[in-house]
Amino acid sequence: MIATILPGSTNFHAVGYNEHKVSKGVARLIEIQNFGSLGTFHKPTPSELVGYLQKYSSQNSRIRKPQFHVAISCKGHEMSEDELLDFAHQYLKEMGYGESGQPLLVYSHYDTENTHLHIVTSRVAPDGKKIQHSHERRRSQEVIDSILGNDRKKKTENDIDSAKQYTFSSFAQFKAIMVSMGYEVYQKDGNVFVKHGGKVQKKIPFTEIESLFKSGYREKIRCRQLRSILKKYRDVSSNKEELQKELKTKFGIDIVFFGKKDAPYGYMLVDHANKTVIHGARVLAVEELLKFTTPEERFNRIEDYIDRLLTLNPKITQSEIYSKIRKQRAYIEKGIIYFDGQNRPLKPFMAEAIDRNNRIAMVEMFSPATEAERDLLCKIFKVSRSDLVDLSLERTHYYTDAVNRLSKIFNDDTVTSIRNRLHEEGFTIRQEKDATYAINFRQHIIINLTEENFNLERLRKPIKQPVKQMEQHKQLQNRKCSTFFSGKGKLCDFGGGSHSEKREWEVGQKVHYDDTDSSLKR
């Protein structure tokens, strides 16, 4: 749980900040208390809310910046909005902002990955006195610990015991371990002070830490591994904060910098997995570590990598490339590279090659076994390089099952329209040169009916129904339609349209292959 006390203000600019979030749809005013009649008859405007807070605060003119603005957040979504609101009320009461009559605005924000609230009120109490604010941030942490029942001193002692289990050879390295755990550590008058939440939690004699020093950790193999990791993630990070987050998340390694925030002079690597601390200079000079690339350079590197992948495997598909570059937080889609919230077009020859490979992959899903099958599928899927398509060495069991299924249909004399029956099975009939094919785009099956010796006459001449059967069919249709006109059923398809009105059997079910339309129509 974190409570971040934000800067004060004379004009209560926090109201405008939160209301702007509301207008963007990423925040909501969930509570308004003690604002007189505001909100009774209509939703108050931001200027009305600010005006009320300023008028309320004017009862104590000695307070120059009366705004109190605090953000309270939990880890992820471990608390619901209502639970966090209850916590916020307890927090405000302990901090002195819970007296009856205290004006209060509570906003819930939805623009981050954790549940959090923003609270705006005045530092002036209802009786006109200034609400006590000495050591406010330290007291804020103590209040949180009190509400949650945290024993900060006990936790500090446990973390120190854990740090003592690491291999370190100097006070600076011990300090790096504690800093990686969120502590502030310094040495003074022969003692080591461990500070957290703005307060010293533990004092240790320096000699106690010194007795734990071990010979410097110099394992060359691990240093080479870390050097490779640092350079790889430096090249896809835009700043040191992003680099720190990546190494912490993926490898459990903390980078602890020393010196000014914007110009560190050195760093330590705290390897939590191996419980060791390594001086950064032994792995990669700090100047080289912080040599971050520009967005343009990072795009160039990703593009060069894709080019190398295409060289090694000329048939690599978009999905296969994605599996390679996703570790760099990048992906490609329709000829565009997307990386870290930015994008740019892929070089045309690469985009064309990837699109071609995606189409080749579609053709190969049908496992064509002959050049004729391959050439027809390449024509349908608009693949210009049929020589890149691999032929299947043997028929799949899906193919064999489909042939057997179609054979039963062709041999069934009760089937009056073979074409319609094949259509029901998901097959499209395609005539190509001297051969007739049945293609199922959903199941990725292509069958050369001519080569398999099917009786193709049945495709050309539908069997006429006996007169008695036709009469029964007509009576059935009349009964269905009378049901519709009586209001008891749905509008029926009379089935009396011309052959040209129902030509789905020629193109089959298009499924997801939008660009096969033109090539399938005769």
Protein backbone atom coordinates (compact mmCIF):
# COMPACT_ATOMS: atom_id res chain seq x y z
CA MET A 1 0.00 0.00 0.00
CA ILE A 2 1.34 3.43 -0.95
CA ALA A 3 0.08 6.92 -0.08
CA THR A 4 1.77 9.62 -2.15
CA ILE A 5 1.25 13.15 -0.82
CA LEU A 6 1.30 15.50 -3.80
CA PRO A 7 2.23 19.23 -3.84
CA GLY A 8 -0.05 21.83 -2.26
CA SER A 9 -1.70 24.66 -4.16
CA THR A 10 -3.40 28.03 -3.64
CA ASN A 11 -5.94 27.48 -6.42
CA PHE A 12 -6.68 23.76 -5.84
CA HIS A 13 -5.33 22.74 -9.24
CA ALA A 14 -5.80 19.06 -8.25
CA VAL A 15 -9.53 19.46 -8.94
CA GLY A 16 -8.82 20.43 -12.55
CA TYR A 17 -6.32 17.57 -12.89
CA ASN A 18 -8.82 14.96 -11.71
CA GLU A 19 -11.77 16.43 -13.62
CA HIS A 20 -9.66 16.34 -16.80
CA LYS A 21 -9.14 12.61 -16.20
CA VAL A 22 -12.91 12.26 -15.77
CA SER A 23 -13.52 14.00 -19.11
CA LYS A 24 -11.08 11.56 -20.76
CA GLY A 25 -13.05 8.60 -19.38
CA VAL A 26 -10.20 7.26 -17.20
CA ALA A 27 -11.45 8.50 -13.82
CA ARG A 28 -14.70 8.92 -11.90
CA LEU A 29 -15.78 11.08 -8.96
CA ILE A 30 -16.96 8.42 -6.52
CA GLU A 31 -17.51 10.54 -3.40
CA ILE A 32 -18.22 14.18 -2.55
CA GLN A 33 -18.74 15.19 1.10
CA ASN A 34 -19.49 18.44 2.89
CA PHE A 35 -19.79 20.74 -0.13
CA GLY A 36 -22.99 22.41 1.03
CA SER A 37 -25.75 22.29 -1.58
CA LEU A 38 -23.33 21.53 -4.45
CA GLY A 39 -24.32 18.35 -6.21
CA THR A 40 -27.87 18.39 -4.84
CA PHE A 41 -29.61 19.56 -7.99
CA HIS A 42 -26.95 19.10 -10.68
CA LYS A 43 -23.45 17.80 -11.14
CA PRO A 44 -21.08 20.50 -9.85
CA THR A 45 -18.63 22.03 -12.30
CA PRO A 46 -14.87 22.07 -11.61
CA SER A 47 -14.97 25.85 -11.04
CA GLU A 48 -17.79 25.45 -8.49
CA LEU A 49 -15.78 22.80 -6.59
CA VAL A 50 -12.65 24.98 -6.59
CA GLY A 51 -14.67 28.03 -5.52
CA TYR A 52 -16.15 26.18 -2.56
CA LEU A 53 -12.75 24.84 -1.39
CA GLN A 54 -11.19 28.31 -1.66
CA LYS A 55 -14.05 29.92 0.28
CA TYR A 56 -13.89 27.17 2.92
CA SER A 57 -10.10 27.58 3.27
CA SER A 58 -10.29 31.39 3.51
CA GLN A 59 -11.29 31.08 7.19
CA ASN A 60 -7.53 30.64 7.85
CA SER A 61 -5.65 33.22 5.78
CA ARG A 62 -2.24 32.19 7.19
CA ILE A 63 -2.19 29.00 5.11
CA ARG A 64 -0.73 29.94 1.71
CA LYS A 65 -1.24 26.56 0.01
CA PRO A 66 -4.32 24.97 1.57
CA GLN A 67 -4.73 22.14 -0.96
CA PHE A 68 -4.15 18.61 0.38
CA HIS A 69 -3.88 16.10 -2.46
CA VAL A 70 -2.99 12.44 -1.85
CA ALA A 71 -2.96 9.39 -4.11
CA ILE A 72 -3.58 6.03 -2.42
CA SER A 73 -2.83 2.84 -4.34
CA CYS A 74 -2.54 -0.87 -3.70
CA LYS A 75 -0.51 -3.52 -5.47
CA GLY A 76 -2.29 -4.49 -8.67
CA HIS A 77 -5.93 -5.17 -7.90
CA GLU A 78 -5.48 -6.89 -4.54
CA MET A 79 -8.11 -4.47 -3.17
CA SER A 80 -11.42 -3.57 -4.76
CA GLU A 81 -12.45 0.06 -5.19
CA ASP A 82 -14.77 -0.16 -2.16
CA GLU A 83 -12.08 -1.77 0.01
CA LEU A 84 -9.57 0.90 -0.96
CA LEU A 85 -12.16 3.61 -0.21
CA ASP A 86 -12.67 2.19 3.30
CA PHE A 87 -8.90 2.19 3.78
CA ALA A 88 -8.73 5.82 2.56
CA HIS A 89 -11.29 6.93 5.15
CA GLN A 90 -9.28 5.31 7.95
CA TYR A 91 -6.12 6.92 6.61
CA LEU A 92 -7.68 10.40 6.46
CA LYS A 93 -9.02 10.08 9.99
CA GLU A 94 -5.58 9.11 11.35
CA MET A 95 -3.95 11.96 9.41
CA GLY A 96 -6.41 14.49 10.86
CA TYR A 97 -8.67 14.96 7.82
CA GLY A 98 -11.65 12.97 9.06
CA GLU A 99 -13.46 15.55 11.23
CA SER A 100 -17.16 16.19 10.64
CA GLY A 101 -17.62 18.99 8.11
CA GLN A 102 -14.30 18.44 6.30
CA PRO A 103 -14.91 18.86 2.53
CA LEU A 104 -13.76 15.84 0.59
CA LEU A 105 -13.50 14.78 -3.07
CA VAL A 106 -12.53 11.19 -3.92
CA TYR A 107 -11.71 10.19 -7.51
CA SER A 108 -11.08 6.64 -8.71
CA HIS A 109 -8.58 6.36 -11.59
CA TYR A 110 -8.48 3.58 -14.19
CA ASP A 111 -5.43 4.52 -16.29
CA THR A 112 -2.86 2.30 -14.54
CA GLU A 113 -2.53 -1.41 -13.75
CA ASN A 114 -3.31 -0.90 -10.06
CA THR A 115 -6.39 0.26 -8.20
CA HIS A 116 -5.82 3.79 -6.94
CA LEU A 117 -7.71 6.81 -5.61
CA HIS A 118 -6.97 10.53 -5.61
CA ILE A 119 -8.29 12.55 -2.68
CA VAL A 120 -8.59 16.33 -2.60
CA THR A 121 -9.41 18.33 0.54
CA SER A 122 -8.19 21.35 2.51
CA ARG A 123 -5.46 21.64 5.12
CA VAL A 124 -7.90 23.81 7.11
CA ALA A 125 -10.00 21.99 9.70
CA PRO A 126 -13.73 22.74 10.12
CA ASP A 127 -12.91 24.88 13.21
CA GLY A 128 -10.54 27.05 11.12
CA LYS A 129 -7.30 25.65 12.56
CA LYS A 130 -4.50 24.28 10.42
CA ILE A 131 -4.40 20.48 10.33
CA GLN A 132 -1.10 19.29 11.84
CA HIS A 133 1.39 18.44 9.09
CA SER A 134 4.85 18.11 10.68
CA HIS A 135 6.84 15.10 9.42
CA GLU A 136 3.82 14.42 7.24
CA ARG A 137 5.32 11.86 4.89
CA ARG A 138 6.92 9.85 7.67
CA ARG A 139 3.70 9.96 9.67
CA SER A 140 1.78 8.89 6.55
CA GLN A 141 3.83 5.69 6.34
CA GLU A 142 3.36 5.03 10.04
CA VAL A 143 -0.40 5.43 9.65
CA ILE A 144 -0.43 2.94 6.76
CA ASP A 145 1.59 0.44 8.81
CA SER A 146 -0.75 0.89 11.76
CA ILE A 147 -3.88 0.28 9.66
CA LEU A 148 -2.40 -2.76 7.91
CA GLY A 149 -0.79 -4.12 11.06
CA ASN A 150 2.70 -4.01 9.56
CA ASP A 151 5.68 -4.36 11.90
CA ARG A 152 8.25 -2.37 9.93
CA LYS A 153 11.05 -2.91 12.43
CA LYS A 154 10.57 -6.67 12.34
CA LYS A 155 10.52 -6.67 8.53
CA THR A 156 13.72 -4.62 8.46
CA GLU A 157 15.44 -7.10 10.76
CA ASN A 158 14.32 -9.99 8.56
CA ASP A 159 15.59 -8.24 5.40
CA ILE A 160 18.95 -7.52 7.04
CA ASP A 161 19.27 -11.20 7.98
CA SER A 162 18.48 -12.10 4.37
CA ALA A 163 21.09 -9.62 3.05
CA LYS A 164 23.73 -11.19 5.27
CA GLN A 165 23.33 -14.43 3.30
CA TYR A 166 24.63 -12.77 0.12
CA THR A 167 28.25 -12.79 -1.03
CA PHE A 168 29.61 -9.23 -0.71
CA SER A 169 33.10 -7.85 -0.17
CA SER A 170 32.54 -4.23 0.85
CA PHE A 171 30.11 -1.91 2.60
CA ALA A 172 29.13 -0.50 -0.81
CA GLN A 173 28.02 -3.95 -1.93
CA PHE A 174 26.05 -4.57 1.28
CA LYS A 175 24.45 -1.18 0.78
CA ALA A 176 23.50 -2.15 -2.80
CA ILE A 177 21.67 -5.24 -1.50
CA MET A 178 19.66 -3.19 1.00
CA VAL A 179 18.92 -0.45 -1.55
CA SER A 180 17.58 -3.13 -3.94
CA MET A 181 15.18 -4.12 -1.15
CA GLY A 182 13.93 -0.53 -0.83
CA TYR A 183 16.03 0.73 2.08
CA GLU A 184 18.24 3.76 2.55
CA VAL A 185 21.58 2.84 4.18
CA TYR A 186 24.43 5.01 5.43
CA GLN A 187 27.46 4.70 7.71
CA LYS A 188 28.21 7.12 10.58
CA ASP A 189 30.30 7.01 13.76
CA GLY A 190 31.11 3.34 13.45
CA ASN A 191 27.49 2.31 12.87
CA VAL A 192 25.36 1.36 9.88
CA PHE A 193 21.91 2.96 9.82
CA VAL A 194 19.06 1.29 7.87
CA LYS A 195 16.24 3.68 7.08
CA HIS A 196 12.77 3.04 5.67
CA GLY A 197 9.59 5.08 5.51
CA GLY A 198 11.54 8.22 6.41
CA LYS A 199 12.67 6.72 9.73
CA VAL A 200 15.72 4.76 10.94
CA GLN A 201 14.49 1.25 11.61
CA LYS A 202 17.74 -0.44 12.62
CA LYS A 203 21.25 0.50 13.76
CA ILE A 204 24.06 -2.07 13.32
CA PRO A 205 27.70 -1.83 14.40
CA PHE A 206 29.88 -1.51 11.30
CA THR A 207 32.16 -4.27 12.59
CA GLU A 208 29.22 -6.70 12.39
CA ILE A 209 28.84 -6.03 8.65
CA GLU A 210 32.59 -5.93 8.08
CA SER A 211 32.96 -9.43 9.55
CA LEU A 212 30.78 -10.74 6.71
CA PHE A 213 33.01 -9.43 3.92
CA LYS A 214 34.19 -12.21 1.62
CA SER A 215 36.78 -12.22 -1.13
CA GLY A 216 35.61 -10.44 -4.25
CA TYR A 217 33.22 -12.39 -6.45
CA ARG A 218 34.99 -12.77 -9.81
CA GLU A 219 33.36 -15.68 -11.62
CA LYS A 220 34.29 -14.94 -15.23
CA ILE A 221 31.60 -17.10 -16.85
CA ARG A 222 28.79 -15.33 -14.94
CA CYS A 223 30.26 -11.93 -15.75
CA ARG A 224 30.28 -12.79 -19.46
CA GLN A 225 26.66 -13.92 -19.22
CA LEU A 226 25.66 -10.70 -17.49
CA ARG A 227 27.56 -8.61 -20.06
CA SER A 228 25.58 -10.26 -22.86
CA ILE A 229 22.28 -9.73 -21.00
CA LEU A 230 23.03 -6.06 -20.24
CA LYS A 231 23.96 -5.24 -23.85
CA LYS A 232 20.93 -7.05 -25.25
CA TYR A 233 18.39 -5.29 -23.04
CA ARG A 234 20.19 -1.95 -23.23
CA ASP A 235 19.65 -2.03 -26.99
CA VAL A 236 15.87 -2.35 -26.61
CA SER A 237 15.48 0.04 -23.65
CA SER A 238 15.02 3.78 -23.94
CA ASN A 239 16.44 4.72 -20.50
CA LYS A 240 18.03 3.25 -17.38
CA GLU A 241 14.70 2.97 -15.53
CA GLU A 242 13.32 0.80 -18.30
CA LEU A 243 16.50 -1.29 -18.31
CA GLN A 244 16.28 -1.76 -14.54
CA LYS A 245 12.66 -2.92 -14.82
CA GLU A 246 13.44 -5.42 -17.60
CA LEU A 247 16.33 -7.07 -15.71
CA LYS A 248 14.40 -7.17 -12.44
CA THR A 249 11.33 -8.73 -14.07
CA LYS A 250 13.08 -11.23 -16.32
CA PHE A 251 16.18 -12.24 -14.35
CA GLY A 252 15.72 -11.08 -10.75
CA ILE A 253 18.71 -8.78 -11.12
CA ASP A 254 18.71 -5.29 -9.62
CA ILE A 255 20.90 -2.55 -11.07
CA VAL A 256 21.79 -0.14 -8.26
CA PHE A 257 23.34 3.11 -9.51
CA PHE A 258 25.59 5.40 -7.47
CA GLY A 259 25.94 9.16 -7.88
CA LYS A 260 23.51 11.71 -9.27
CA LYS A 261 20.26 10.40 -10.68
CA ASP A 262 20.88 11.84 -14.13
CA ALA A 263 24.65 11.22 -14.12
CA PRO A 264 25.59 8.10 -12.13
CA TYR A 265 29.29 7.37 -11.80
CA GLY A 266 28.94 3.63 -11.21
CA TYR A 267 26.61 0.74 -10.46
CA MET A 268 26.31 -2.64 -8.77
CA LEU A 269 24.50 -5.75 -10.00
CA VAL A 270 22.56 -7.50 -7.24
CA ASP A 271 21.93 -11.02 -8.49
CA HIS A 272 19.16 -12.25 -6.21
CA ALA A 273 18.98 -15.67 -7.86
CA ASN A 274 22.61 -16.42 -7.00
CA LYS A 275 22.72 -14.21 -3.87
CA THR A 276 25.76 -12.34 -5.14
CA VAL A 277 26.77 -8.74 -5.77
CA ILE A 278 29.03 -7.84 -8.69
CA HIS A 279 30.67 -4.50 -9.29
CA GLY A 280 29.31 -3.24 -12.59
CA ALA A 281 32.71 -2.14 -13.89
CA ARG A 282 33.74 -5.80 -14.09
CA VAL A 283 30.85 -6.48 -16.45
CA LEU A 284 30.27 -3.35 -18.55
CA ALA A 285 31.51 0.21 -18.10
CA VAL A 286 28.76 2.55 -16.90
CA GLU A 287 29.28 4.82 -19.92
CA GLU A 288 28.69 1.88 -22.27
CA LEU A 289 25.75 0.62 -20.22
CA LEU A 290 24.00 3.99 -20.51
CA LYS A 291 24.62 4.31 -24.25
CA PHE A 292 20.95 3.92 -25.12
CA THR A 293 19.84 3.90 -28.73
CA THR A 294 17.36 6.29 -30.29
CA PRO A 295 13.94 4.97 -31.39
CA GLU A 296 15.14 5.16 -35.00
CA GLU A 297 18.21 3.06 -34.21
CA ARG A 298 16.13 0.49 -32.36
CA PHE A 299 13.73 0.18 -35.32
CA ASN A 300 16.75 -0.27 -37.60
CA ARG A 301 18.10 -3.05 -35.39
CA ILE A 302 14.77 -4.87 -35.34
CA GLU A 303 14.48 -4.52 -39.11
CA ASP A 304 18.04 -5.80 -39.60
CA TYR A 305 17.19 -8.78 -37.42
CA ILE A 306 14.09 -9.54 -39.51
CA ASP A 307 16.24 -9.27 -42.64
CA ARG A 308 18.65 -11.85 -41.19
CA LEU A 309 15.74 -14.16 -40.37
CA LEU A 310 14.50 -13.93 -43.97
CA THR A 311 18.01 -14.69 -45.24
CA LEU A 312 18.33 -17.78 -43.05
CA ASN A 313 14.79 -18.94 -43.85
CA PRO A 314 13.33 -17.44 -47.06
CA LYS A 315 9.92 -18.98 -46.21
CA ILE A 316 9.63 -17.68 -42.63
CA THR A 317 6.10 -16.46 -41.85
CA GLN A 318 4.80 -13.52 -39.86
CA SER A 319 3.85 -15.68 -36.88
CA GLU A 320 7.31 -17.28 -36.84
CA ILE A 321 8.95 -13.84 -36.93
CA TYR A 322 6.70 -12.71 -34.07
CA SER A 323 7.92 -15.58 -31.88
CA LYS A 324 11.48 -14.35 -32.50
CA ILE A 325 11.01 -10.62 -31.87
CA ARG A 326 8.39 -10.60 -29.11
CA LYS A 327 11.16 -10.66 -26.49
CA GLN A 328 12.12 -7.24 -27.81
CA ARG A 329 8.51 -6.06 -27.30
CA ALA A 330 8.08 -5.77 -31.07
CA TYR A 331 5.76 -7.33 -33.65
CA ILE A 332 4.81 -6.86 -37.31
CA GLU A 333 1.37 -6.69 -38.86
CA LYS A 334 0.40 -5.92 -42.46
CA GLY A 335 3.83 -4.59 -43.33
CA ILE A 336 4.16 -2.38 -40.22
CA ILE A 337 6.70 -2.79 -37.38
CA TYR A 338 5.26 -2.01 -33.94
CA PHE A 339 7.65 -1.39 -31.08
CA ASP A 340 7.13 0.14 -27.64
CA GLY A 341 4.02 2.13 -28.64
CA GLN A 342 5.55 3.37 -31.91
CA ASN A 343 5.42 2.05 -35.48
CA ARG A 344 6.87 2.49 -38.93
CA PRO A 345 6.49 0.70 -42.30
CA LEU A 346 8.68 -2.30 -42.95
CA LYS A 347 10.94 -2.07 -45.99
CA PRO A 348 8.80 -3.00 -49.04
CA PHE A 349 10.86 -6.02 -50.12
CA MET A 350 10.56 -7.49 -46.60
CA ALA A 351 6.82 -6.80 -46.36
CA GLU A 352 6.27 -8.44 -49.77
CA ALA A 353 8.38 -11.48 -48.82
CA ILE A 354 6.50 -11.96 -45.53
CA ASP A 355 3.11 -11.59 -47.25
CA ARG A 356 4.21 -14.12 -49.89
CA ASN A 357 5.37 -16.53 -47.18
CA ASN A 358 2.06 -16.22 -45.33
CA ARG A 359 0.28 -17.20 -48.57
CA ILE A 360 2.70 -20.07 -49.18
CA ALA A 361 1.94 -21.31 -45.64
CA MET A 362 -1.78 -21.26 -46.53
CA VAL A 363 -1.12 -23.37 -49.64
CA GLU A 364 1.03 -25.86 -47.71
CA MET A 365 -1.76 -26.32 -45.16
CA PHE A 366 -3.57 -28.29 -47.92
CA SER A 367 -0.57 -30.67 -48.26
CA PRO A 368 -0.66 -30.71 -52.09
CA ALA A 369 0.92 -33.91 -53.43
CA THR A 370 1.08 -33.05 -57.14
CA GLU A 371 2.27 -30.07 -59.12
CA ALA A 372 -1.23 -29.64 -60.55
CA GLU A 373 -2.72 -29.34 -57.04
CA ARG A 374 0.06 -26.99 -56.00
CA ASP A 375 -0.38 -24.77 -59.09
CA LEU A 376 -4.15 -24.50 -58.60
CA LEU A 377 -3.78 -23.53 -54.94
CA CYS A 378 -1.08 -20.99 -55.84
CA LYS A 379 -3.49 -19.48 -58.35
CA ILE A 380 -6.25 -19.29 -55.75
CA PHE A 381 -4.03 -17.75 -53.04
CA LYS A 382 -2.12 -15.55 -55.50
CA VAL A 383 1.30 -17.07 -54.86
CA SER A 384 3.69 -16.13 -57.67
CA ARG A 385 6.55 -18.39 -56.49
CA SER A 386 5.05 -21.85 -56.75
CA ASP A 387 8.60 -23.28 -56.75
CA LEU A 388 8.84 -22.35 -53.04
CA VAL A 389 5.85 -24.53 -52.13
CA ASP A 390 6.80 -27.95 -50.76
CA LEU A 391 4.91 -30.96 -52.10
CA SER A 392 3.68 -33.54 -49.62
CA LEU A 393 5.37 -36.92 -49.98
CA GLU A 394 2.30 -38.85 -48.90
CA ARG A 395 -1.40 -38.30 -48.47
CA THR A 396 -2.67 -37.39 -44.99
CA HIS A 397 -5.35 -39.41 -43.25
CA TYR A 398 -7.60 -36.33 -43.54
CA TYR A 399 -7.32 -36.66 -47.32
CA THR A 400 -8.07 -40.38 -47.24
CA ASP A 401 -11.09 -39.91 -44.97
CA ALA A 402 -12.42 -37.15 -47.23
CA VAL A 403 -12.05 -39.32 -50.37
CA ASN A 404 -13.94 -42.15 -48.67
CA ARG A 405 -16.66 -39.75 -47.55
CA LEU A 406 -17.08 -38.32 -51.04
CA SER A 407 -17.09 -41.80 -52.59
CA LYS A 408 -20.11 -42.74 -50.49
CA ILE A 409 -21.91 -39.60 -51.68
CA PHE A 410 -21.13 -40.29 -55.35
CA ASN A 411 -22.22 -43.93 -55.00
CA ASP A 412 -25.45 -43.09 -53.18
CA ASP A 413 -28.23 -43.23 -55.80
CA THR A 414 -30.66 -41.48 -53.43
CA VAL A 415 -28.59 -38.28 -53.59
CA THR A 416 -30.33 -36.19 -56.25
CA SER A 417 -27.79 -33.32 -56.44
CA ILE A 418 -24.16 -34.22 -55.93
CA ARG A 419 -23.11 -30.58 -56.06
CA ASN A 420 -25.48 -29.54 -53.29
CA ARG A 421 -24.45 -32.51 -51.17
CA LEU A 422 -20.76 -31.65 -51.58
CA HIS A 423 -21.54 -28.06 -50.69
CA GLU A 424 -23.12 -29.27 -47.46
CA GLU A 425 -19.87 -31.12 -46.73
CA GLY A 426 -17.96 -27.86 -47.21
CA PHE A 427 -16.51 -28.63 -50.65
CA THR A 428 -16.24 -26.27 -53.60
CA ILE A 429 -16.06 -27.68 -57.14
CA ARG A 430 -13.36 -26.20 -59.35
CA GLN A 431 -12.70 -27.05 -63.00
CA GLU A 432 -9.09 -26.50 -64.03
CA LYS A 433 -7.93 -27.54 -67.54
CA ASP A 434 -8.90 -31.21 -67.93
CA ALA A 435 -9.36 -31.92 -64.22
CA THR A 436 -12.15 -31.36 -61.71
CA TYR A 437 -11.26 -30.61 -58.10
CA ALA A 438 -13.17 -30.62 -54.81
CA ILE A 439 -11.70 -28.11 -52.33
CA ASN A 440 -12.58 -27.72 -48.67
CA PHE A 441 -11.18 -24.39 -47.45
CA ARG A 442 -12.22 -24.98 -43.85
CA GLN A 443 -10.53 -28.36 -43.50
CA HIS A 444 -7.68 -27.58 -45.95
CA ILE A 445 -8.32 -30.50 -48.31
CA ILE A 446 -7.94 -30.60 -52.10
CA ILE A 447 -9.05 -33.69 -54.07
CA ASN A 448 -8.51 -34.25 -57.80
CA LEU A 449 -11.81 -35.96 -58.59
CA THR A 450 -10.64 -36.82 -62.10
CA GLU A 451 -7.48 -38.50 -60.86
CA GLU A 452 -9.40 -40.39 -58.17
CA ASN A 453 -11.79 -41.76 -60.87
CA PHE A 454 -15.00 -40.30 -59.47
CA ASN A 455 -18.08 -40.53 -61.71
CA LEU A 456 -18.10 -36.90 -62.84
CA GLU A 457 -21.28 -37.43 -64.90
CA ARG A 458 -23.18 -37.18 -61.64
CA LEU A 459 -21.88 -33.63 -61.24
CA ARG A 460 -23.28 -32.64 -64.62
CA LYS A 461 -26.68 -34.38 -64.54
CA PRO A 462 -28.77 -34.04 -61.37
CA ILE A 463 -31.09 -37.04 -60.88
CA LYS A 464 -34.75 -36.20 -61.42
CA GLN A 465 -37.07 -36.91 -58.55
CA PRO A 466 -39.93 -39.32 -59.15
CA VAL A 467 -43.25 -37.56 -59.69
CA LYS A 468 -44.68 -38.90 -56.42
CA GLN A 469 -41.61 -37.68 -54.46
CA MET A 470 -41.85 -34.25 -56.09
CA GLU A 471 -45.52 -34.03 -55.15
CA GLN A 472 -44.71 -34.90 -51.51
CA HIS A 473 -41.97 -32.25 -51.48
CA LYS A 474 -44.43 -29.67 -52.86
CA GLN A 475 -47.03 -30.51 -50.21
CA LEU A 476 -44.37 -30.18 -47.50
CA GLN A 477 -43.41 -26.73 -48.77
CA ASN A 478 -47.08 -25.67 -48.84
CA ARG A 479 -47.50 -26.77 -45.21
CA LYS A 480 -44.41 -24.77 -44.18
CA CYS A 481 -45.63 -21.66 -45.95
CA SER A 482 -49.14 -21.91 -44.51
CA THR A 483 -47.49 -22.00 -41.09
CA PHE A 484 -45.76 -18.72 -41.92
CA PHE A 485 -48.93 -17.01 -43.13
CA SER A 486 -50.74 -18.07 -39.95
CA GLY A 487 -48.06 -16.24 -37.94
CA LYS A 488 -46.69 -19.38 -36.31
CA GLY A 489 -43.40 -19.75 -38.10
CA LYS A 490 -40.60 -17.97 -39.92
CA LEU A 491 -40.50 -16.92 -43.55
CA CYS A 492 -39.46 -19.98 -45.55
CA ASP A 493 -37.13 -20.33 -48.52
CA PHE A 494 -39.36 -21.62 -51.31
CA GLY A 495 -36.36 -23.08 -53.14
CA GLY A 496 -37.85 -22.06 -56.46
CA GLY A 497 -35.10 -19.66 -57.60
CA SER A 498 -33.17 -20.19 -60.80
CA HIS A 499 -29.86 -22.00 -60.85
CA SER A 500 -28.07 -18.68 -61.36
CA GLU A 501 -29.60 -17.25 -58.18
CA LYS A 502 -27.82 -19.79 -55.97
CA ARG A 503 -24.23 -20.08 -57.12
CA GLU A 504 -22.58 -20.70 -53.74
CA TRP A 505 -21.58 -24.17 -54.92
CA GLU A 506 -19.21 -22.59 -57.43
CA VAL A 507 -17.17 -20.63 -54.87
CA GLY A 508 -17.80 -22.62 -51.73
CA GLN A 509 -17.53 -21.19 -48.24
CA LYS A 510 -14.99 -18.36 -48.31
CA VAL A 511 -14.35 -18.64 -44.56
CA HIS A 512 -11.48 -16.19 -43.80
CA TYR A 513 -9.93 -16.06 -47.26
CA ASP A 514 -11.35 -12.78 -48.51
CA ASP A 515 -8.98 -12.45 -51.44
CA THR A 516 -9.94 -15.77 -53.02
CA ASP A 517 -13.21 -14.35 -54.41
CA SER A 518 -12.01 -13.14 -57.76
CA SER A 519 -9.81 -16.15 -58.47
CA LEU A 520 -12.55 -18.66 -57.64
CA LYS A 521 -15.28 -17.13 -59.78
CA ARG A 522 -15.37 -18.30 -63.36
